[in-house]
C-alpha atoms as a PDB file:
ATOM      1  CA  UNK A   1       0.361  11.466  19.006  1.00  0.00           C
ATOM      2  CA  UNK A   2      -3.138  10.045  18.807  1.00  0.00           C
ATOM      3  CA  UNK A   3      -3.728   7.976  15.671  1.00  0.00           C
ATOM      4  CA  UNK A   4      -6.662   6.593  13.739  1.00  0.00           C
ATOM      5  CA  UNK A   5      -6.208   3.898  11.076  1.00  0.00           C
ATOM      6  CA  UNK A   6      -8.605   3.473   8.144  1.00  0.00           C
ATOM      7  CA  UNK A   7      -8.383   0.010   6.593  1.00  0.00           C
ATOM      8  CA  UNK A   8      -7.190  -2.890   8.731  1.00  0.00           C
ATOM      9  CA  UNK A   9      -6.199  -5.478   6.169  1.00  0.00           C
ATOM     10  CA  UNK A  10      -2.595  -6.626   5.845  1.00  0.00           C
ATOM     11  CA  UNK A  11      -0.972  -3.186   5.625  1.00  0.00           C
ATOM     12  CA  UNK A  12      -3.351  -1.536   8.076  1.00  0.00           C
ATOM     13  CA  UNK A  13      -2.534  -4.137  10.725  1.00  0.00           C
ATOM     14  CA  UNK A  14       1.153  -3.693   9.959  1.00  0.00           C
ATOM     15  CA  UNK A  15       0.750  -0.014  10.790  1.00  0.00           C
ATOM     16  CA  UNK A  16      -1.050  -0.935  14.028  1.00  0.00           C
ATOM     17  CA  UNK A  17       1.896  -3.088  15.093  1.00  0.00           C
ATOM     18  CA  UNK A  18       4.351  -0.329  14.194  1.00  0.00           C
ATOM     19  CA  UNK A  19       2.357   2.270  16.138  1.00  0.00           C
ATOM     20  CA  UNK A  20       2.331   0.026  19.188  1.00  0.00           C
ATOM     21  CA  UNK A  21       6.140  -0.087  19.059  1.00  0.00           C
ATOM     22  CA  UNK A  22       6.489   3.641  18.459  1.00  0.00           C
ATOM     23  CA  UNK A  23       7.353   5.835  21.461  1.00  0.00           C
ATOM     24  CA  UNK A  24       4.564   8.188  22.542  1.00  0.00           C
ATOM     25  CA  UNK A  25       1.990   7.009  19.988  1.00  0.00           C
ATOM     26  CA  UNK A  26      -1.553   6.015  20.933  1.00  0.00           C
ATOM     27  CA  UNK A  27      -4.129   4.283  18.725  1.00  0.00           C
ATOM     28  CA  UNK A  28      -7.492   5.948  19.359  1.00  0.00           C
ATOM     29  CA  UNK A  29      -9.653   4.345  16.675  1.00  0.00           C
ATOM     30  CA  UNK A  30      -9.648   2.015  13.666  1.00  0.00           C
ATOM     31  CA  UNK A  31     -12.258   1.642  10.945  1.00  0.00           C
ATOM     32  CA  UNK A  32     -13.006  -0.977   8.308  1.00  0.00           C
ATOM     33  CA  UNK A  33     -16.331  -2.070   6.756  1.00  0.00           C
ATOM     34  CA  UNK A  34     -15.172  -5.708   6.546  1.00  0.00           C
ATOM     35  CA  UNK A  35     -15.819  -7.884   9.616  1.00  0.00           C
ATOM     36  CA  UNK A  36     -12.768 -10.088   9.020  1.00  0.00           C
ATOM     37  CA  UNK A  37     -10.527  -7.042   8.778  1.00  0.00           C
ATOM     38  CA  UNK A  38     -11.908  -5.657  12.030  1.00  0.00           C
ATOM     39  CA  UNK A  39     -11.214  -9.026  13.666  1.00  0.00           C
ATOM     40  CA  UNK A  40      -7.613  -8.855  12.424  1.00  0.00           C
ATOM     41  CA  UNK A  41      -7.361  -5.371  13.926  1.00  0.00           C
ATOM     42  CA  UNK A  42      -8.570  -6.701  17.279  1.00  0.00           C
ATOM     43  CA  UNK A  43      -5.873  -9.385  17.171  1.00  0.00           C
ATOM     44  CA  UNK A  44      -3.183  -6.870  16.247  1.00  0.00           C
ATOM     45  CA  UNK A  45      -4.271  -4.453  18.973  1.00  0.00           C
ATOM     46  CA  UNK A  46      -4.412  -7.071  21.731  1.00  0.00           C
ATOM     47  CA  UNK A  47      -6.967  -7.826  24.418  1.00  0.00           C
ATOM     48  CA  UNK A  48      -6.838  -4.550  26.380  1.00  0.00           C
ATOM     49  CA  UNK A  49      -6.281  -2.014  23.628  1.00  0.00           C
ATOM     50  CA  UNK A  50      -8.999   0.563  24.388  1.00  0.00           C
ATOM     51  CA  UNK A  51      -9.323   1.756  20.767  1.00  0.00           C
ATOM     52  CA  UNK A  52     -12.713   2.271  19.137  1.00  0.00           C
ATOM     53  CA  UNK A  53     -13.288  -0.321  16.398  1.00  0.00           C
ATOM     54  CA  UNK A  54     -15.616   1.237  13.831  1.00  0.00           C
ATOM     55  CA  UNK A  55     -17.243   0.207  10.567  1.00  0.00           C
ATOM     56  CA  UNK A  56     -17.172   3.583   8.788  1.00  0.00           C
ATOM     57  CA  UNK A  57     -14.183   5.869   8.230  1.00  0.00           C
ATOM     58  CA  UNK A  58     -16.437   8.916   8.645  1.00  0.00           C
ATOM     59  CA  UNK A  59     -17.128   7.824  12.224  1.00  0.00           C
ATOM     60  CA  UNK A  60     -13.376   7.733  12.761  1.00  0.00           C
ATOM     61  CA  UNK A  61     -12.877  11.218  11.279  1.00  0.00           C
ATOM     62  CA  UNK A  62     -15.455  12.511  13.756  1.00  0.00           C
ATOM     63  CA  UNK A  63     -13.347  11.418  16.754  1.00  0.00           C
ATOM     64  CA  UNK A  64     -12.243  14.754  18.174  1.00  0.00           C
ATOM     65  CA  UNK A  65      -9.131  13.496  19.976  1.00  0.00           C
ATOM     66  CA  UNK A  66      -7.272  12.453  16.811  1.00  0.00           C
ATOM     67  CA  UNK A  67      -4.002  14.098  15.780  1.00  0.00           C
ATOM     68  CA  UNK A  68      -3.253  11.970  12.703  1.00  0.00           C
ATOM     69  CA  UNK A  69      -4.821   9.373  10.432  1.00  0.00           C
ATOM     70  CA  UNK A  70      -3.289   6.561   8.383  1.00  0.00           C
ATOM     71  CA  UNK A  71      -5.241   5.599   5.241  1.00  0.00           C
ATOM     72  CA  UNK A  72      -4.539   1.933   4.422  1.00  0.00           C
ATOM     73  CA  UNK A  73      -7.768   1.009   2.655  1.00  0.00           C
ATOM     74  CA  UNK A  74      -7.793  -0.518  -0.879  1.00  0.00           C
ATOM     75  CA  UNK A  75      -6.217   1.611  -3.605  1.00  0.00           C
ATOM     76  CA  UNK A  76      -9.428   2.618  -5.357  1.00  0.00           C
ATOM     77  CA  UNK A  77     -10.868   4.023  -2.106  1.00  0.00           C
ATOM     78  CA  UNK A  78      -8.027   6.484  -1.455  1.00  0.00           C
ATOM     79  CA  UNK A  79      -9.454   9.338  -3.529  1.00  0.00           C
ATOM     80  CA  UNK A  80     -12.972   9.375  -1.998  1.00  0.00           C
ATOM     81  CA  UNK A  81     -11.710   8.706   1.534  1.00  0.00           C
ATOM     82  CA  UNK A  82      -9.183  11.539   1.282  1.00  0.00           C
ATOM     83  CA  UNK A  83     -11.828  13.890  -0.109  1.00  0.00           C
ATOM     84  CA  UNK A  84     -14.033  13.217   2.919  1.00  0.00           C
ATOM     85  CA  UNK A  85     -11.115  13.565   5.325  1.00  0.00           C
ATOM     86  CA  UNK A  86     -10.082  16.900   3.810  1.00  0.00           C
ATOM     87  CA  UNK A  87     -13.668  18.126   4.104  1.00  0.00           C
ATOM     88  CA  UNK A  88     -14.351  16.887   7.635  1.00  0.00           C
ATOM     89  CA  UNK A  89     -10.941  17.358   9.278  1.00  0.00           C
ATOM     90  CA  UNK A  90      -8.639  19.716   7.365  1.00  0.00           C
ATOM     91  CA  UNK A  91      -6.497  19.968  10.498  1.00  0.00           C
ATOM     92  CA  UNK A  92      -5.503  16.310  10.718  1.00  0.00           C
ATOM     93  CA  UNK A  93      -2.122  15.054   9.562  1.00  0.00           C
ATOM     94  CA  UNK A  94      -2.512  12.112   7.208  1.00  0.00           C
ATOM     95  CA  UNK A  95      -0.277   9.352   5.895  1.00  0.00           C
ATOM     96  CA  UNK A  96      -1.905   7.718   2.876  1.00  0.00           C
ATOM     97  CA  UNK A  97      -0.547   4.386   1.722  1.00  0.00           C
ATOM     98  CA  UNK A  98       0.797   3.955  -1.778  1.00  0.00           C
ATOM     99  CA  UNK A  99      -0.345   4.387  -4.445  1.00  0.00           C
ATOM    100  CA  UNK A 100      -1.701   7.860  -3.714  1.00  0.00           C
ATOM    101  CA  UNK A 101      -4.643   7.078  -6.053  1.00  0.00           C
ATOM    102  CA  UNK A 102      -5.228   4.717  -8.967  1.00  0.00           C
ATOM    103  CA  UNK A 103      -5.349   7.411 -11.676  1.00  0.00           C
ATOM    104  CA  UNK A 104      -3.363  10.523 -12.473  1.00  0.00           C
ATOM    105  CA  UNK A 105      -6.555  12.603 -12.544  1.00  0.00           C
ATOM    106  CA  UNK A 106      -7.465  11.559  -8.993  1.00  0.00           C
ATOM    107  CA  UNK A 107      -3.901  12.213  -7.828  1.00  0.00           C
ATOM    108  CA  UNK A 108      -4.047  15.715  -9.277  1.00  0.00           C
ATOM    109  CA  UNK A 109      -7.357  16.379  -7.513  1.00  0.00           C
ATOM    110  CA  UNK A 110      -5.855  15.237  -4.219  1.00  0.00           C
ATOM    111  CA  UNK A 111      -2.801  17.423  -4.809  1.00  0.00           C
ATOM    112  CA  UNK A 112      -4.974  20.471  -5.460  1.00  0.00           C
ATOM    113  CA  UNK A 113      -7.059  19.835  -2.340  1.00  0.00           C
ATOM    114  CA  UNK A 114      -4.036  19.106  -0.149  1.00  0.00           C
ATOM    115  CA  UNK A 115      -2.433  22.409  -1.135  1.00  0.00           C
ATOM    116  CA  UNK A 116      -5.265  24.374   0.488  1.00  0.00           C
ATOM    117  CA  UNK A 117      -5.396  22.626   3.886  1.00  0.00           C
ATOM    118  CA  UNK A 118      -3.219  23.103   6.992  1.00  0.00           C
ATOM    119  CA  UNK A 119      -2.801  19.417   7.855  1.00  0.00           C
ATOM    120  CA  UNK A 120       0.339  17.612   6.656  1.00  0.00           C
ATOM    121  CA  UNK A 121      -0.140  15.019   3.885  1.00  0.00           C
ATOM    122  CA  UNK A 122       2.468  12.257   3.548  1.00  0.00           C
ATOM    123  CA  UNK A 123       2.459   9.433   0.962  1.00  0.00           C
ATOM    124  CA  UNK A 124       3.462   5.989   2.207  1.00  0.00           C
ATOM    125  CA  UNK A 125       6.263   5.146  -0.211  1.00  0.00           C
ATOM    126  CA  UNK A 126       8.138   3.390   2.554  1.00  0.00           C
ATOM    127  CA  UNK A 127      10.727   1.665   0.352  1.00  0.00           C
ATOM    128  CA  UNK A 128      12.783   4.851   0.746  1.00  0.00           C
ATOM    129  CA  UNK A 129      13.194   3.922   4.406  1.00  0.00           C
ATOM    130  CA  UNK A 130      14.367   0.327   3.982  1.00  0.00           C
ATOM    131  CA  UNK A 131      17.899   0.350   5.413  1.00  0.00           C
ATOM    132  CA  UNK A 132      19.505  -1.206   2.283  1.00  0.00           C
ATOM    133  CA  UNK A 133      17.696   1.284   0.029  1.00  0.00           C
ATOM    134  CA  UNK A 134      18.461   4.255   2.270  1.00  0.00           C
ATOM    135  CA  UNK A 135      22.152   3.277   2.278  1.00  0.00           C
ATOM    136  CA  UNK A 136      22.073   2.798  -1.515  1.00  0.00           C
ATOM    137  CA  UNK A 137      20.742   6.338  -1.904  1.00  0.00           C
ATOM    138  CA  UNK A 138      23.293   7.694   0.557  1.00  0.00           C
ATOM    139  CA  UNK A 139      26.163   6.104  -1.396  1.00  0.00           C
ATOM    140  CA  UNK A 140      25.116   7.432  -4.817  1.00  0.00           C
ATOM    141  CA  UNK A 141      27.698  10.213  -4.591  1.00  0.00           C
ATOM    142  CA  UNK A 142      30.420   7.583  -5.029  1.00  0.00           C
ATOM    143  CA  UNK A 143      29.136   6.853  -8.539  1.00  0.00           C
ATOM    144  CA  UNK A 144      29.844  10.423  -9.639  1.00  0.00           C
ATOM    145  CA  UNK A 145      27.398  11.900 -12.126  1.00  0.00           C
ATOM    146  CA  UNK A 146      24.575   9.388 -12.373  1.00  0.00           C
ATOM    147  CA  UNK A 147      23.898   7.966 -15.831  1.00  0.00           C
ATOM    148  CA  UNK A 148      21.638   4.925 -15.371  1.00  0.00           C
ATOM    149  CA  UNK A 149      19.536   3.344 -12.648  1.00  0.00           C
ATOM    150  CA  UNK A 150      18.218  -0.211 -12.849  1.00  0.00           C
ATOM    151  CA  UNK A 151      15.654  -1.925 -10.618  1.00  0.00           C
ATOM    152  CA  UNK A 152      14.871  -5.637 -10.695  1.00  0.00           C
ATOM    153  CA  UNK A 153      12.094  -7.315  -8.748  1.00  0.00           C
ATOM    154  CA  UNK A 154      11.662 -11.063  -9.280  1.00  0.00           C
ATOM    155  CA  UNK A 155       9.119 -12.248  -6.731  1.00  0.00           C
ATOM    156  CA  UNK A 156       6.006 -14.215  -5.849  1.00  0.00           C
ATOM    157  CA  UNK A 157       2.515 -13.367  -7.195  1.00  0.00           C
ATOM    158  CA  UNK A 158       0.168 -10.902  -5.544  1.00  0.00           C
ATOM    159  CA  UNK A 159      -1.103 -12.155  -2.196  1.00  0.00           C
ATOM    160  CA  UNK A 160      -4.842 -12.582  -1.570  1.00  0.00           C
ATOM    161  CA  UNK A 161      -6.611  -9.445  -0.337  1.00  0.00           C
ATOM    162  CA  UNK A 162     -10.073  -8.788   1.084  1.00  0.00           C
ATOM    163  CA  UNK A 163     -12.635  -9.213  -1.692  1.00  0.00           C
ATOM    164  CA  UNK A 164      -9.788 -10.001  -4.131  1.00  0.00           C
ATOM    165  CA  UNK A 165      -9.618  -6.312  -5.066  1.00  0.00           C
ATOM    166  CA  UNK A 166      -5.943  -6.582  -6.019  1.00  0.00           C
ATOM    167  CA  UNK A 167      -6.735  -8.942  -8.889  1.00  0.00           C
ATOM    168  CA  UNK A 168      -8.183  -6.234 -11.143  1.00  0.00           C
ATOM    169  CA  UNK A 169      -6.755  -3.124 -12.792  1.00  0.00           C
ATOM    170  CA  UNK A 170      -9.824  -1.012 -12.064  1.00  0.00           C
ATOM    171  CA  UNK A 171      -9.242  -1.381  -8.317  1.00  0.00           C
ATOM    172  CA  UNK A 172      -5.426  -1.297  -8.227  1.00  0.00           C
ATOM    173  CA  UNK A 173      -4.482   1.083 -11.023  1.00  0.00           C
ATOM    174  CA  UNK A 174      -2.640  -1.854 -12.602  1.00  0.00           C
ATOM    175  CA  UNK A 175       0.447  -3.754 -11.464  1.00  0.00           C
ATOM    176  CA  UNK A 176       2.829  -0.979 -12.530  1.00  0.00           C
ATOM    177  CA  UNK A 177       0.928   1.482 -10.343  1.00  0.00           C
ATOM    178  CA  UNK A 178       0.025  -0.806  -7.434  1.00  0.00           C
ATOM    179  CA  UNK A 179       3.403  -2.478  -6.997  1.00  0.00           C
ATOM    180  CA  UNK A 180       5.908  -0.490  -8.980  1.00  0.00           C
ATOM    181  CA  UNK A 181       5.105   3.030  -7.806  1.00  0.00           C
ATOM    182  CA  UNK A 182       7.733   2.263  -5.146  1.00  0.00           C
ATOM    183  CA  UNK A 183      10.400   1.668  -7.768  1.00  0.00           C
ATOM    184  CA  UNK A 184       9.459   4.630  -9.933  1.00  0.00           C
ATOM    185  CA  UNK A 185       9.664   6.809  -6.821  1.00  0.00           C
ATOM    186  CA  UNK A 186      13.161   5.503  -6.104  1.00  0.00           C
ATOM    187  CA  UNK A 187      14.252   6.079  -9.714  1.00  0.00           C
ATOM    188  CA  UNK A 188      13.056   9.674  -9.609  1.00  0.00           C
ATOM    189  CA  UNK A 189      14.635  10.215  -6.188  1.00  0.00           C
ATOM    190  CA  UNK A 190      17.988   8.865  -7.386  1.00  0.00           C
ATOM    191  CA  UNK A 191      17.876  10.720 -10.701  1.00  0.00           C
ATOM    192  CA  UNK A 192      16.983  14.014  -8.980  1.00  0.00           C
ATOM    193  CA  UNK A 193      14.854  14.875 -11.994  1.00  0.00           C
ATOM    194  CA  UNK A 194      11.354  14.312 -13.319  1.00  0.00           C
ATOM    195  CA  UNK A 195      10.613  11.727 -16.014  1.00  0.00           C
ATOM    196  CA  UNK A 196       9.880  12.896 -19.563  1.00  0.00           C
ATOM    197  CA  UNK A 197       9.395   9.653 -21.549  1.00  0.00           C
ATOM    198  CA  UNK A 198       8.291   6.101 -20.720  1.00  0.00           C
ATOM    199  CA  UNK A 199       8.342   2.996 -22.892  1.00  0.00           C
ATOM    200  CA  UNK A 200       7.203  -0.400 -21.636  1.00  0.00           C
ATOM    201  CA  UNK A 201       6.389  -3.920 -22.727  1.00  0.00           C
ATOM    202  CA  UNK A 202       4.715  -6.546 -20.592  1.00  0.00           C
ATOM    203  CA  UNK A 203       1.759  -8.835 -20.105  1.00  0.00           C
ATOM    204  CA  UNK A 204      -0.047 -11.491 -18.081  1.00  0.00           C
ATOM    205  CA  UNK A 205       1.370 -14.894 -18.920  1.00  0.00           C
ATOM    206  CA  UNK A 206       1.275 -17.080 -15.813  1.00  0.00           C
ATOM    207  CA  UNK A 207      -0.415 -15.673 -12.706  1.00  0.00           C
ATOM    208  CA  UNK A 208      -4.117 -15.785 -11.781  1.00  0.00           C
ATOM    209  CA  UNK A 209      -5.279 -17.073 -15.175  1.00  0.00           C
ATOM    210  CA  UNK A 210      -7.065 -19.999 -13.510  1.00  0.00           C
ATOM    211  CA  UNK A 211      -8.884 -17.729 -11.016  1.00  0.00           C
ATOM    212  CA  UNK A 212     -12.433 -16.458 -11.495  1.00  0.00           C
ATOM    213  CA  UNK A 213     -14.230 -13.917  -9.284  1.00  0.00           C
ATOM    214  CA  UNK A 214     -17.885 -13.131  -9.981  1.00  0.00           C
ATOM    215  CA  UNK A 215     -17.428 -14.486 -13.489  1.00  0.00           C
ATOM    216  CA  UNK A 216     -14.269 -12.463 -14.211  1.00  0.00           C
ATOM    217  CA  UNK A 217     -10.680 -13.574 -14.700  1.00  0.00           C
ATOM    218  CA  UNK A 218      -8.070 -11.239 -13.159  1.00  0.00           C
ATOM    219  CA  UNK A 219      -6.440  -8.837 -15.610  1.00  0.00           C
ATOM    220  CA  UNK A 220      -3.330  -7.716 -13.716  1.00  0.00           C
ATOM    221  CA  UNK A 221       0.059  -7.939 -15.437  1.00  0.00           C
ATOM    222  CA  UNK A 222       2.630 -10.364 -14.062  1.00  0.00           C
ATOM    223  CA  UNK A 223       5.765  -9.187 -15.886  1.00  0.00           C
ATOM    224  CA  UNK A 224       7.105  -6.064 -17.604  1.00  0.00           C
ATOM    225  CA  UNK A 225      10.162  -4.176 -18.756  1.00  0.00           C
ATOM    226  CA  UNK A 226       9.911  -0.389 -18.374  1.00  0.00           C
ATOM    227  CA  UNK A 227      12.398   2.225 -19.641  1.00  0.00           C
ATOM    228  CA  UNK A 228      12.245   5.789 -18.305  1.00  0.00           C
ATOM    229  CA  UNK A 229      14.079   8.870 -19.600  1.00  0.00           C
ATOM    230  CA  UNK A 230      14.547  11.700 -17.111  1.00  0.00           C
ATOM    231  CA  UNK A 231      14.827  15.403 -17.875  1.00  0.00           C
ATOM    232  CA  UNK A 232      18.518  15.540 -16.945  1.00  0.00           C
ATOM    233  CA  UNK A 233      19.537  12.645 -19.215  1.00  0.00           C
ATOM    234  CA  UNK A 234      19.495   9.873 -16.594  1.00  0.00           C
ATOM    235  CA  UNK A 235      17.937   6.658 -17.869  1.00  0.00           C
ATOM    236  CA  UNK A 236      16.048   4.170 -15.718  1.00  0.00           C
ATOM    237  CA  UNK A 237      14.973   0.587 -16.313  1.00  0.00           C
ATOM    238  CA  UNK A 238      12.621  -1.716 -14.390  1.00  0.00           C
ATOM    239  CA  UNK A 239      12.637  -5.508 -14.790  1.00  0.00           C
ATOM    240  CA  UNK A 240       9.572  -6.990 -13.073  1.00  0.00           C
ATOM    241  CA  UNK A 241       8.586 -10.649 -12.880  1.00  0.00           C
ATOM    242  CA  UNK A 242       5.923 -11.856 -10.449  1.00  0.00           C
ATOM    243  CA  UNK A 243       6.209 -15.576 -11.081  1.00  0.00           C
ATOM    244  CA  UNK A 244       9.760 -15.953  -9.818  1.00  0.00           C
ATOM    245  CA  UNK A 245       9.334 -17.414  -6.348  1.00  0.00           C
ATOM    246  CA  UNK A 246      12.442 -18.533  -4.454  1.00  0.00           C
ATOM    247  CA  UNK A 247      14.743 -16.104  -6.234  1.00  0.00           C
ATOM    248  CA  UNK A 248      18.127 -15.688  -4.581  1.00  0.00           C
ATOM    249  CA  UNK A 249      17.589 -11.987  -4.159  1.00  0.00           C
ATOM    250  CA  UNK A 250      14.091 -10.668  -4.699  1.00  0.00           C
ATOM    251  CA  UNK A 251      14.983  -7.005  -5.266  1.00  0.00           C
ATOM    252  CA  UNK A 252      18.076  -5.355  -6.696  1.00  0.00           C
ATOM    253  CA  UNK A 253      18.950  -1.712  -7.356  1.00  0.00           C
ATOM    254  CA  UNK A 254      21.904  -0.652  -9.487  1.00  0.00           C
ATOM    255  CA  UNK A 255      23.120   2.887 -10.147  1.00  0.00           C
ATOM    256  CA  UNK A 256      25.991   3.609 -12.542  1.00  0.00           C
ATOM    257  CA  UNK A 257      27.711   6.940 -12.901  1.00  0.00           C
ATOM    258  CA  UNK A 258      30.816   8.251 -14.584  1.00  0.00           C
ATOM    259  CA  UNK A 259      32.897   7.400 -11.497  1.00  0.00           C
ATOM    260  CA  UNK A 260      31.509   4.070 -10.301  1.00  0.00           C
ATOM    261  CA  UNK A 261      28.660   1.670  -9.607  1.00  0.00           C
ATOM    262  CA  UNK A 262      26.437   1.201  -6.547  1.00  0.00           C
ATOM    263  CA  UNK A 263      24.451  -2.026  -6.060  1.00  0.00           C
ATOM    264  CA  UNK A 264      21.893  -2.874  -3.398  1.00  0.00           C
ATOM    265  CA  UNK A 265      20.778  -6.458  -2.854  1.00  0.00           C
ATOM    266  CA  UNK A 266      17.715  -5.622  -0.827  1.00  0.00           C
ATOM    267  CA  UNK A 267      16.673  -9.058   0.428  1.00  0.00           C
ATOM    268  CA  UNK A 268      20.201  -9.794   1.608  1.00  0.00           C
ATOM    269  CA  UNK A 269      20.566  -6.284   3.023  1.00  0.00           C
ATOM    270  CA  UNK A 270      23.924  -5.543   1.404  1.00  0.00           C
ATOM    271  CA  UNK A 271      25.185  -2.574  -0.594  1.00  0.00           C
ATOM    272  CA  UNK A 272      28.225  -2.816  -2.869  1.00  0.00           C
ATOM    273  CA  UNK A 273      30.257   0.245  -3.884  1.00  0.00           C
ATOM    274  CA  UNK A 274      32.682  -0.045  -6.777  1.00  0.00           C
ATOM    275  CA  UNK A 275      34.766   2.857  -8.076  1.00  0.00           C
ATOM    276  CA  UNK A 276      36.238   2.887 -11.563  1.00  0.00           C
ATOM    277  CA  UNK A 277      39.974   2.302 -11.592  1.00  0.00           C
ATOM    278  CA  UNK A 278      39.956   0.666  -8.158  1.00  0.00           C
ATOM    279  CA  UNK A 279      40.939  -2.964  -7.606  1.00  0.00           C
ATOM    280  CA  UNK A 280      38.580  -3.354  -4.634  1.00  0.00           C
ATOM    281  CA  UNK A 281      34.847  -3.174  -3.990  1.00  0.00           C
ATOM    282  CA  UNK A 282      33.293  -2.244  -0.650  1.00  0.00           C
ATOM    283  CA  UNK A 283      30.525  -4.451   0.715  1.00  0.00           C
ATOM    284  CA  UNK A 284      28.346  -2.779   3.356  1.00  0.00           C
ATOM    285  CA  UNK A 285      25.946  -4.552   5.710  1.00  0.00           C
ATOM    286  CA  UNK A 286      22.799  -2.435   5.586  1.00  0.00           C
ATOM    287  CA  UNK A 287      20.280  -5.003   6.737  1.00  0.00           C
ATOM    288  CA  UNK A 288      19.153  -3.254   9.917  1.00  0.00           C
ATOM    289  CA  UNK A 289      18.682   0.183  11.459  1.00  0.00           C
ATOM    290  CA  UNK A 290      19.187   0.257  15.225  1.00  0.00           C
ATOM    291  CA  UNK A 291      16.258   2.665  15.664  1.00  0.00           C
ATOM    292  CA  UNK A 292      13.767  -0.033  14.624  1.00  0.00           C
ATOM    293  CA  UNK A 293      11.640  -1.360  17.497  1.00  0.00           C
ATOM    294  CA  UNK A 294       9.440  -3.503  15.252  1.00  0.00           C
ATOM    295  CA  UNK A 295      10.936  -4.889  12.050  1.00  0.00           C
ATOM    296  CA  UNK A 296       7.825  -6.266  10.337  1.00  0.00           C
ATOM    297  CA  UNK A 297       7.934  -5.921   6.579  1.00  0.00           C
ATOM    298  CA  UNK A 298      10.844  -4.551   4.539  1.00  0.00           C
ATOM    299  CA  UNK A 299      13.597  -4.377   7.172  1.00  0.00           C
ATOM    300  CA  UNK A 300      11.534  -2.108   9.417  1.00  0.00           C
ATOM    301  CA  UNK A 301      10.824   0.471   6.688  1.00  0.00           C
ATOM    302  CA  UNK A 302       7.300   1.271   7.889  1.00  0.00           C
ATOM    303  CA  UNK A 303       8.517   1.844  11.441  1.00  0.00           C
ATOM    304  CA  UNK A 304      11.216   4.251  10.233  1.00  0.00           C
ATOM    305  CA  UNK A 305       8.684   5.983   8.004  1.00  0.00           C
ATOM    306  CA  UNK A 306       6.366   6.531  10.964  1.00  0.00           C
ATOM    307  CA  UNK A 307       9.242   7.877  13.059  1.00  0.00           C
ATOM    308  CA  UNK A 308       9.908  10.461  10.364  1.00  0.00           C
ATOM    309  CA  UNK A 309       6.184  11.201   9.955  1.00  0.00           C
ATOM    310  CA  UNK A 310       5.717  11.872  13.690  1.00  0.00           C
ATOM    311  CA  UNK A 311       8.841  14.055  13.788  1.00  0.00           C
ATOM    312  CA  UNK A 312       7.534  16.146  10.887  1.00  0.00           C
ATOM    313  CA  UNK A 313       4.102  16.603  12.455  1.00  0.00           C
ATOM    314  CA  UNK A 314       5.523  17.530  15.843  1.00  0.00           C
ATOM    315  CA  UNK A 315       8.097  19.964  14.461  1.00  0.00           C
ATOM    316  CA  UNK A 316       5.922  21.500  11.754  1.00  0.00           C
ATOM    317  CA  UNK A 317       8.407  20.398   9.085  1.00  0.00           C
ATOM    318  CA  UNK A 318       7.187  19.572   5.567  1.00  0.00           C
ATOM    319  CA  UNK A 319       6.610  15.909   4.636  1.00  0.00           C
ATOM    320  CA  UNK A 320       9.603  13.972   3.373  1.00  0.00           C
ATOM    321  CA  UNK A 321       7.372  12.111   0.906  1.00  0.00           C
ATOM    322  CA  UNK A 322       5.052  14.634  -0.687  1.00  0.00           C
ATOM    323  CA  UNK A 323       1.822  14.463  -2.643  1.00  0.00           C
ATOM    324  CA  UNK A 324       3.889  15.455  -5.684  1.00  0.00           C
ATOM    325  CA  UNK A 325       6.095  12.398  -5.113  1.00  0.00           C
ATOM    326  CA  UNK A 326       2.987  10.239  -4.951  1.00  0.00           C
ATOM    327  CA  UNK A 327       1.586  11.826  -8.107  1.00  0.00           C
ATOM    328  CA  UNK A 328       4.768  11.287 -10.120  1.00  0.00           C
ATOM    329  CA  UNK A 329       5.095   7.653  -9.016  1.00  0.00           C
ATOM    330  CA  UNK A 330       1.536   6.946 -10.192  1.00  0.00           C
ATOM    331  CA  UNK A 331       2.021   8.904 -13.434  1.00  0.00           C
ATOM    332  CA  UNK A 332       5.091   6.819 -14.323  1.00  0.00           C
ATOM    333  CA  UNK A 333       3.195   3.576 -13.725  1.00  0.00           C
ATOM    334  CA  UNK A 334       0.136   4.786 -15.635  1.00  0.00           C
ATOM    335  CA  UNK A 335       2.346   5.860 -18.536  1.00  0.00           C
ATOM    336  CA  UNK A 336       3.975   2.417 -18.572  1.00  0.00           C
ATOM    337  CA  UNK A 337       0.552   0.766 -18.791  1.00  0.00           C
ATOM    338  CA  UNK A 338      -0.455   3.118 -21.607  1.00  0.00           C
ATOM    339  CA  UNK A 339       2.775   2.318 -23.426  1.00  0.00           C
ATOM    340  CA  UNK A 340       2.078  -1.420 -23.195  1.00  0.00           C
ATOM    341  CA  UNK A 341      -1.489  -0.928 -24.409  1.00  0.00           C
ATOM    342  CA  UNK A 342      -0.538   1.286 -27.364  1.00  0.00           C
ATOM    343  CA  UNK A 343       2.949   0.065 -28.252  1.00  0.00           C
ATOM    344  CA  UNK A 344       4.192   3.656 -28.202  1.00  0.00           C
ATOM    345  CA  UNK A 345       6.467   5.841 -26.134  1.00  0.00           C
ATOM    346  CA  UNK A 346       4.518   8.054 -23.715  1.00  0.00           C
ATOM    347  CA  UNK A 347       5.564  11.638 -23.031  1.00  0.00           C
ATOM    348  CA  UNK A 348       5.095  12.914 -19.492  1.00  0.00           C
ATOM    349  CA  UNK A 349       4.433  16.514 -18.533  1.00  0.00           C
ATOM    350  CA  UNK A 350       2.599  17.360 -15.306  1.00  0.00           C
END
């Protein structure tokens, strides 16, 4: 498959490295308006790469040889870039990085447009493909009928990005959209139901308060608790703290059902399965998937995601991570932000 990549910052270059390790994938072109980002792409591609390095994504869309495009530009650019892609090249398969867009309205517009085009659209919620998370999801049956799902992320602050775009809600969608769409996607996937109510509390207490960009102090949240009720009675909870560097285990997932409890310690790569009434608990090493040729971030999740993406395009199968999945993950984060702002419970109905 012949790929183009739009946006060659941190995640775009990660995709370049994954594509280079992927069997039968060729990088035809990359595009980014930022000179530093293009230089990073050149480094990631290597000295004799042969790909066109462009400044405008529309130039990339015009490259006739392309089979698929990865959109890894800043969050707030996803909606306009996708609109132009859908108009110029309705045939191309596309993987758009999370979040799908920064607002629910933009996500709905993308969903409507995607429904009328032949090219596959896949949303890059790659946490599903992390080996510890994938094993956690595969073991959920041992918990019986799921009742609650809990996600904890205690981590370092947001990393610097080009132009500091990830310091402001208007460019990211807010922390609970930018970062936590992954976790809301996993909650919904585990619950096997759509969310109906969201209540959240949170704020900005520690991070980025001493930073100023063009006269503005960043406004992104650095901690939150979010409770989600799903249509089938499952309850979810997110505990996020982004000033907790050097935590023993950065990310944890816990699912409890009427028959048992499943825990995933993502950083360590272990999954624990405990069944009610049993005196033992199984500990499973799920730190690595032998199919991974380039591990990169998140236990090789992006590589495994691209394997699945290529297989779907080549076989004509539907995407495993749909535009609807992307829309719901953004809607849950947006509802959490609205709940924090208003102090009320937000009802969801899409």
